[in-house]
């Protein structure tokens, strides 16, 4: 399943966040495939898209960084999945 992970830094943690990222590269735990990650310029805000079949590694990953960041994690669908859902919905309407 795909997830969109959005983070924002806790107040006054920029240095700690940078040091931890440089040490760990923000690598996800086993069980998560990181598809991409983007960082906003001029703030400690970012977004990642990842894939996993079990929520436990995703919860672990967020917990490992929870002292520095606030997270908003949402399940996501790709275009193919949304297209299929919309087609099925349209077929039921006729």
N, C-alpha and C. Protein backbone atom coordinates (compact mmCIF):
# COMPACT_ATOMS: atom_id res chain seq x y z
N UNK A 1 0.84 -1.17 0.00
CA UNK A 1 0.00 0.00 0.00
C UNK A 1 0.90 1.25 0.00
N UNK A 2 0.44 2.26 -0.72
CA UNK A 2 1.19 3.52 -0.79
C UNK A 2 0.77 4.46 0.33
N UNK A 3 1.73 5.25 0.79
CA UNK A 3 1.47 6.26 1.81
C UNK A 3 2.18 7.55 1.44
N UNK A 4 1.52 8.66 1.72
CA UNK A 4 2.13 9.97 1.62
C UNK A 4 2.46 10.40 3.04
N UNK A 5 3.72 10.70 3.28
CA UNK A 5 4.20 11.10 4.61
C UNK A 5 4.64 12.55 4.52
N UNK A 6 4.02 13.38 5.33
CA UNK A 6 4.36 14.80 5.38
C UNK A 6 4.89 15.09 6.77
N UNK A 7 5.98 15.85 6.86
CA UNK A 7 6.53 16.19 8.17
C UNK A 7 6.82 17.67 8.27
N UNK A 8 6.76 18.14 9.50
CA UNK A 8 7.12 19.51 9.85
C UNK A 8 7.92 19.43 11.14
N UNK A 9 8.98 20.20 11.21
CA UNK A 9 9.86 20.15 12.39
C UNK A 9 9.17 20.72 13.61
N UNK A 10 9.50 20.13 14.74
CA UNK A 10 9.12 20.71 16.03
C UNK A 10 9.91 22.02 16.16
N UNK A 11 9.42 22.96 16.94
CA UNK A 11 10.16 24.22 17.11
C UNK A 11 11.58 24.00 17.66
N UNK A 12 12.52 24.74 17.14
CA UNK A 12 13.90 24.79 17.66
C UNK A 12 14.68 23.48 17.59
N UNK A 13 14.47 22.69 16.54
CA UNK A 13 15.21 21.41 16.45
C UNK A 13 16.00 21.28 15.15
N UNK A 14 16.18 22.37 14.44
CA UNK A 14 16.83 22.29 13.13
C UNK A 14 18.20 21.61 13.20
N UNK A 15 19.01 22.00 14.15
CA UNK A 15 20.36 21.42 14.26
C UNK A 15 20.29 19.92 14.57
N UNK A 16 19.47 19.54 15.53
CA UNK A 16 19.33 18.12 15.88
C UNK A 16 18.82 17.31 14.69
N UNK A 17 17.85 17.86 13.98
CA UNK A 17 17.29 17.16 12.82
C UNK A 17 18.35 16.97 11.74
N UNK A 18 19.13 18.00 11.48
CA UNK A 18 20.18 17.91 10.47
C UNK A 18 21.23 16.88 10.87
N UNK A 19 21.64 16.88 12.12
CA UNK A 19 22.65 15.92 12.58
C UNK A 19 22.15 14.48 12.45
N UNK A 20 20.90 14.24 12.86
CA UNK A 20 20.37 12.88 12.78
C UNK A 20 20.21 12.45 11.32
N UNK A 21 19.77 13.37 10.47
CA UNK A 21 19.62 13.01 9.06
C UNK A 21 20.98 12.68 8.44
N UNK A 22 22.00 13.46 8.75
CA UNK A 22 23.34 13.19 8.22
C UNK A 22 23.87 11.85 8.71
N UNK A 23 23.53 11.46 9.93
CA UNK A 23 23.99 10.17 10.48
C UNK A 23 23.24 9.00 9.87
N UNK A 24 21.93 9.15 9.68
CA UNK A 24 21.09 8.01 9.28
C UNK A 24 20.60 8.07 7.85
N UNK A 25 20.73 9.25 7.22
CA UNK A 25 20.16 9.52 5.89
C UNK A 25 18.64 9.36 5.90
N UNK A 26 18.05 9.28 7.09
CA UNK A 26 16.60 9.14 7.21
C UNK A 26 16.09 7.82 6.66
N UNK A 27 16.96 6.82 6.65
CA UNK A 27 16.61 5.54 6.05
C UNK A 27 15.42 4.91 6.77
N UNK A 28 14.45 4.41 6.02
CA UNK A 28 13.31 3.75 6.64
C UNK A 28 13.70 2.36 7.15
N UNK A 29 12.93 1.85 8.09
CA UNK A 29 13.20 0.48 8.56
C UNK A 29 12.85 -0.55 7.49
N UNK A 30 13.32 -1.77 7.70
CA UNK A 30 12.96 -2.88 6.81
C UNK A 30 11.45 -2.96 6.71
N UNK A 31 10.98 -3.26 5.53
CA UNK A 31 9.55 -3.38 5.30
C UNK A 31 8.94 -2.16 4.64
N UNK A 32 9.74 -1.09 4.49
CA UNK A 32 9.26 0.12 3.81
C UNK A 32 10.14 0.37 2.60
N UNK A 33 9.49 0.56 1.46
CA UNK A 33 10.19 0.93 0.23
C UNK A 33 9.95 2.42 0.02
N UNK A 34 10.99 3.22 0.14
CA UNK A 34 10.90 4.66 -0.05
C UNK A 34 10.95 4.96 -1.54
N UNK A 35 9.86 5.50 -2.07
CA UNK A 35 9.78 5.80 -3.51
C UNK A 35 10.38 7.16 -3.84
N UNK A 36 10.32 8.07 -2.88
CA UNK A 36 10.90 9.40 -3.10
C UNK A 36 10.66 10.28 -1.88
N UNK A 37 11.53 11.28 -1.74
CA UNK A 37 11.42 12.20 -0.61
C UNK A 37 11.87 13.56 -1.10
N UNK A 38 11.12 14.59 -0.69
CA UNK A 38 11.41 15.95 -1.12
C UNK A 38 11.39 16.87 0.09
N UNK A 39 12.33 17.81 0.11
CA UNK A 39 12.48 18.74 1.23
C UNK A 39 12.23 20.16 0.73
N UNK A 40 11.44 20.91 1.46
CA UNK A 40 11.15 22.29 1.08
C UNK A 40 12.37 23.16 1.37
N UNK A 41 12.58 24.15 0.55
CA UNK A 41 13.69 25.08 0.73
C UNK A 41 13.28 26.12 1.77
N UNK A 42 14.18 26.38 2.71
CA UNK A 42 13.95 27.44 3.68
C UNK A 42 13.12 27.04 4.89
N UNK A 43 12.79 25.77 5.02
CA UNK A 43 12.06 25.31 6.20
C UNK A 43 12.37 23.84 6.42
N UNK A 44 11.97 23.34 7.56
CA UNK A 44 12.13 21.91 7.81
C UNK A 44 10.75 21.30 7.63
N UNK A 45 10.38 21.16 6.39
CA UNK A 45 9.10 20.61 5.96
C UNK A 45 9.39 19.73 4.77
N UNK A 46 8.70 18.64 4.68
CA UNK A 46 8.92 17.77 3.54
C UNK A 46 7.83 16.76 3.36
N UNK A 47 8.02 15.99 2.30
CA UNK A 47 7.04 14.98 1.94
C UNK A 47 7.77 13.77 1.36
N UNK A 48 7.24 12.60 1.64
CA UNK A 48 7.79 11.36 1.09
C UNK A 48 6.63 10.50 0.61
N UNK A 49 6.93 9.65 -0.34
CA UNK A 49 5.98 8.63 -0.77
C UNK A 49 6.67 7.30 -0.55
N UNK A 50 5.99 6.41 0.15
CA UNK A 50 6.58 5.12 0.44
C UNK A 50 5.53 4.03 0.28
N UNK A 51 6.03 2.81 0.24
CA UNK A 51 5.15 1.67 0.06
C UNK A 51 5.48 0.64 1.12
N UNK A 52 4.43 0.08 1.73
CA UNK A 52 4.62 -1.00 2.70
C UNK A 52 3.34 -1.81 2.81
N UNK A 53 3.49 -3.04 3.24
CA UNK A 53 2.34 -3.93 3.39
C UNK A 53 1.91 -4.06 4.84
N UNK A 54 2.71 -3.54 5.75
CA UNK A 54 2.44 -3.64 7.18
C UNK A 54 2.62 -2.26 7.78
N UNK A 55 1.69 -1.84 8.60
CA UNK A 55 1.76 -0.50 9.20
C UNK A 55 2.81 -0.41 10.31
N UNK A 56 3.21 -1.51 10.89
CA UNK A 56 4.15 -1.47 12.01
C UNK A 56 5.47 -0.77 11.65
N UNK A 57 6.12 -1.09 10.52
CA UNK A 57 7.36 -0.37 10.19
C UNK A 57 7.13 1.12 9.97
N UNK A 58 6.00 1.49 9.40
CA UNK A 58 5.68 2.90 9.19
C UNK A 58 5.51 3.62 10.52
N UNK A 59 4.83 2.99 11.44
CA UNK A 59 4.67 3.57 12.78
C UNK A 59 6.01 3.66 13.48
N UNK A 60 6.86 2.65 13.33
CA UNK A 60 8.20 2.65 13.94
C UNK A 60 9.03 3.81 13.40
N UNK A 61 9.00 4.00 12.09
CA UNK A 61 9.77 5.06 11.44
C UNK A 61 9.34 6.42 11.97
N UNK A 62 8.04 6.65 12.03
CA UNK A 62 7.54 7.93 12.54
C UNK A 62 7.92 8.11 14.01
N UNK A 63 7.83 7.05 14.78
CA UNK A 63 8.17 7.14 16.20
C UNK A 63 9.65 7.47 16.42
N UNK A 64 10.51 6.94 15.56
CA UNK A 64 11.94 7.21 15.68
C UNK A 64 12.28 8.69 15.50
N UNK A 65 11.42 9.41 14.80
CA UNK A 65 11.66 10.83 14.53
C UNK A 65 10.68 11.75 15.25
N UNK A 66 9.78 11.18 16.05
CA UNK A 66 8.70 11.96 16.67
C UNK A 66 9.19 13.02 17.66
N UNK A 67 10.40 12.87 18.17
CA UNK A 67 10.93 13.90 19.07
C UNK A 67 11.33 15.16 18.32
N UNK A 68 11.46 15.07 16.99
CA UNK A 68 11.88 16.20 16.17
C UNK A 68 10.81 16.70 15.20
N UNK A 69 9.92 15.81 14.78
CA UNK A 69 8.96 16.16 13.74
C UNK A 69 7.54 15.79 14.12
N UNK A 70 6.61 16.52 13.54
CA UNK A 70 5.19 16.16 13.56
C UNK A 70 4.89 15.55 12.21
N UNK A 71 4.14 14.46 12.19
CA UNK A 71 3.86 13.73 10.97
C UNK A 71 2.38 13.73 10.63
N UNK A 72 2.11 13.73 9.33
CA UNK A 72 0.78 13.51 8.80
C UNK A 72 0.95 12.42 7.76
N UNK A 73 0.42 11.23 8.03
CA UNK A 73 0.61 10.07 7.15
C UNK A 73 -0.76 9.65 6.63
N UNK A 74 -0.86 9.56 5.31
CA UNK A 74 -2.13 9.22 4.68
C UNK A 74 -1.93 8.10 3.66
N UNK A 75 -2.87 7.15 3.62
CA UNK A 75 -2.83 6.16 2.54
C UNK A 75 -3.09 6.86 1.21
N UNK A 76 -2.55 6.32 0.14
CA UNK A 76 -2.66 6.96 -1.16
C UNK A 76 -2.95 5.93 -2.24
N UNK A 77 -3.55 6.41 -3.32
CA UNK A 77 -3.79 5.61 -4.52
C UNK A 77 -3.04 6.23 -5.68
N UNK A 78 -2.55 5.40 -6.59
CA UNK A 78 -1.91 5.94 -7.79
C UNK A 78 -2.98 6.16 -8.86
N UNK A 79 -2.60 6.72 -10.00
CA UNK A 79 -3.55 7.04 -11.05
C UNK A 79 -4.31 5.80 -11.54
N UNK A 80 -3.62 4.69 -11.68
CA UNK A 80 -4.26 3.46 -12.15
C UNK A 80 -5.35 3.02 -11.17
N UNK A 81 -5.04 3.05 -9.89
CA UNK A 81 -6.01 2.64 -8.88
C UNK A 81 -7.21 3.59 -8.84
N UNK A 82 -6.97 4.88 -8.91
CA UNK A 82 -8.07 5.85 -8.91
C UNK A 82 -8.91 5.69 -10.17
N UNK A 83 -8.26 5.51 -11.32
CA UNK A 83 -8.99 5.31 -12.57
C UNK A 83 -9.90 4.09 -12.50
N UNK A 84 -9.39 3.00 -11.95
CA UNK A 84 -10.20 1.78 -11.82
C UNK A 84 -11.38 2.03 -10.89
N UNK A 85 -11.15 2.70 -9.78
CA UNK A 85 -12.22 3.00 -8.83
C UNK A 85 -13.29 3.86 -9.49
N UNK A 86 -12.87 4.89 -10.24
CA UNK A 86 -13.81 5.79 -10.89
C UNK A 86 -14.61 5.05 -11.98
N UNK A 87 -13.95 4.18 -12.73
CA UNK A 87 -14.64 3.40 -13.76
C UNK A 87 -15.67 2.48 -13.13
N UNK A 88 -15.31 1.81 -12.05
CA UNK A 88 -16.25 0.93 -11.37
C UNK A 88 -17.44 1.71 -10.82
N UNK A 89 -17.17 2.88 -10.26
CA UNK A 89 -18.24 3.72 -9.75
C UNK A 89 -19.17 4.16 -10.88
N UNK A 90 -18.59 4.59 -11.99
CA UNK A 90 -19.39 5.02 -13.14
C UNK A 90 -20.24 3.87 -13.67
N UNK A 91 -19.70 2.66 -13.71
CA UNK A 91 -20.44 1.51 -14.20
C UNK A 91 -21.65 1.20 -13.31
N UNK A 92 -21.51 1.41 -12.02
CA UNK A 92 -22.63 1.17 -11.10
C UNK A 92 -23.71 2.24 -11.24
N UNK A 93 -23.37 3.39 -11.76
CA UNK A 93 -24.33 4.48 -11.89
C UNK A 93 -25.23 4.34 -13.10
N UNK A 94 -24.86 3.47 -14.05
CA UNK A 94 -25.65 3.35 -15.27
C UNK A 94 -26.68 2.26 -15.15
